[in-house]
Protein backbone atom coordinates (compact mmCIF):
# COMPACT_ATOMS: atom_id res chain seq x y z
CA MET A 1 118.25 42.38 82.82
CA GLN A 2 118.09 40.94 79.37
CA ALA A 3 117.05 43.14 76.85
CA THR A 4 114.14 40.93 76.01
CA LYS A 5 112.85 40.77 79.45
CA LEU A 6 113.25 44.60 79.84
CA LYS A 7 111.30 45.09 76.89
CA ASN A 8 108.19 42.81 77.91
CA VAL A 9 108.50 44.56 81.10
CA ARG A 10 108.28 47.95 79.41
CA ARG A 11 105.20 46.63 77.36
CA THR A 12 103.21 45.36 80.35
CA ARG A 13 103.34 48.59 82.03
CA ARG A 14 102.18 50.24 78.86
CA LYS A 15 99.35 47.59 78.76
CA ILE A 16 98.18 48.10 82.09
CA GLY A 17 98.15 52.05 81.76
CA ILE A 18 96.25 51.53 78.30
CA ARG A 19 93.62 49.06 80.13
CA LYS A 20 93.10 51.69 82.83
CA ASN A 21 91.07 53.70 80.12
CA VAL A 22 90.08 51.13 77.46
CA ILE A 23 87.01 49.10 78.83
CA GLY A 24 84.94 46.89 76.68
CA THR A 25 81.18 47.80 77.25
CA PRO A 26 78.07 45.63 76.03
CA ASP A 27 77.55 48.86 73.75
CA ARG A 28 81.47 49.35 72.40
CA PRO A 29 83.46 45.76 73.38
CA ARG A 30 87.30 46.21 73.35
CA LEU A 31 89.23 44.94 70.33
CA SER A 32 92.02 43.42 72.00
CA VAL A 33 95.60 42.60 69.71
CA PHE A 34 98.42 40.46 70.48
CA ARG A 35 101.59 39.80 68.21
CA SER A 36 104.05 37.36 68.42
CA LEU A 37 106.94 36.91 66.40
CA THR A 38 105.15 34.77 63.95
CA HIS A 39 101.52 35.38 64.26
CA ILE A 40 98.98 37.89 65.17
CA TYR A 41 95.75 37.48 67.33
CA ALA A 42 92.75 39.77 67.51
CA GLN A 43 89.50 39.54 69.65
CA ILE A 44 86.34 41.26 70.56
CA ILE A 45 85.91 41.38 74.35
CA ASP A 46 82.84 42.46 76.46
CA ASP A 47 84.64 43.07 79.67
CA HIS A 48 81.30 43.54 81.84
CA SER A 49 80.20 39.87 81.38
CA GLY A 50 83.82 38.66 80.47
CA ARG A 51 83.04 37.14 77.24
CA THR A 52 84.78 36.86 73.73
CA LEU A 53 82.26 37.97 71.27
CA ALA A 54 84.41 37.34 68.01
CA ALA A 55 87.97 36.01 67.58
CA ALA A 56 90.44 35.70 64.77
CA SER A 57 94.09 34.84 64.34
CA SER A 58 96.44 33.80 61.79
CA VAL A 59 96.96 30.49 63.29
CA GLN A 60 93.32 29.35 63.44
CA ASP A 61 92.65 30.87 60.11
CA LYS A 62 95.66 29.33 58.40
CA VAL A 63 96.78 32.78 57.20
CA ALA A 64 99.68 32.01 55.10
CA LYS A 65 101.65 35.07 56.01
CA GLY A 66 100.66 35.57 59.51
CA GLY A 67 103.84 37.17 60.79
CA ASN A 68 103.81 40.31 58.34
CA LYS A 69 101.42 43.29 57.41
CA GLU A 70 99.58 41.23 54.73
CA GLY A 71 98.76 38.44 57.15
CA ALA A 72 97.82 41.05 59.56
CA THR A 73 95.42 42.94 57.07
CA VAL A 74 93.77 39.39 56.28
CA VAL A 75 93.25 38.85 60.17
CA GLY A 76 91.75 42.37 60.22
CA LYS A 77 89.07 41.50 57.42
CA ILE A 78 87.90 38.21 59.21
CA LEU A 79 87.38 39.61 62.40
CA ALA A 80 85.27 42.59 61.11
CA GLU A 81 83.17 39.93 59.17
CA ARG A 82 82.80 38.04 62.48
CA ALA A 83 82.13 41.06 64.41
CA LYS A 84 79.32 42.23 61.93
CA ALA A 85 77.93 38.73 61.84
CA ALA A 86 77.61 38.92 65.87
CA GLY A 87 75.94 42.42 65.45
CA ILE A 88 78.99 44.44 66.53
CA SER A 89 79.86 47.85 64.63
CA LYS A 90 81.70 49.94 67.28
CA VAL A 91 84.52 48.91 69.20
CA ALA A 92 87.11 50.42 71.61
CA PHE A 93 90.80 49.55 70.20
CA ASP A 94 93.23 47.93 72.82
CA ARG A 95 96.79 47.80 71.24
CA SER A 96 98.02 45.83 74.46
CA GLY A 97 100.96 47.91 74.81
CA PHE A 98 102.34 47.60 71.38
CA LYS A 99 103.15 50.53 69.12
CA PHE A 100 100.53 51.63 66.59
CA HIS A 101 102.33 50.75 63.64
CA GLY A 102 103.43 47.86 61.30
CA ARG A 103 101.19 45.09 61.87
CA ILE A 104 99.12 46.35 64.65
CA LYS A 105 98.41 49.28 62.28
CA ALA A 106 97.55 47.06 59.27
CA LEU A 107 94.99 44.90 61.06
CA ALA A 108 93.43 48.19 62.53
CA ASP A 109 93.05 49.54 58.96
CA ALA A 110 91.86 46.48 57.45
CA ALA A 111 89.11 46.28 60.32
CA ARG A 112 87.89 49.96 59.73
CA LYS A 113 88.08 49.49 55.92
CA ALA A 114 85.59 46.15 56.44
CA GLY A 115 83.13 48.47 58.59
CA LEU A 116 84.20 48.40 62.36
CA GLN A 117 84.31 51.94 63.80
CA PHE A 118 86.74 52.97 66.35
């Protein structure tokens, strides 16, 4: 099995384990993060109704440095602003099987600084 395929299989297993415990409710929706090699995506989801309440990404929002920590910080700030506009202040953080460091941590810290609680 190729190394990248094995890496994705392990991440998917971790993601499933995380999703058993992290569920988005109307009171506390789930903040889901996905990181690719070049961009980062984040969305706030209410799992009960199956709706995305707020979203931000380095692609849509034309973040110049979407593939590094600075870009992740900008996306985190934008997401927190959109969440506040939608009336959301508390979220459950879903790292989607990624380690909590680097770009994932930068996005989470920026969202916390901008007012989201998790």
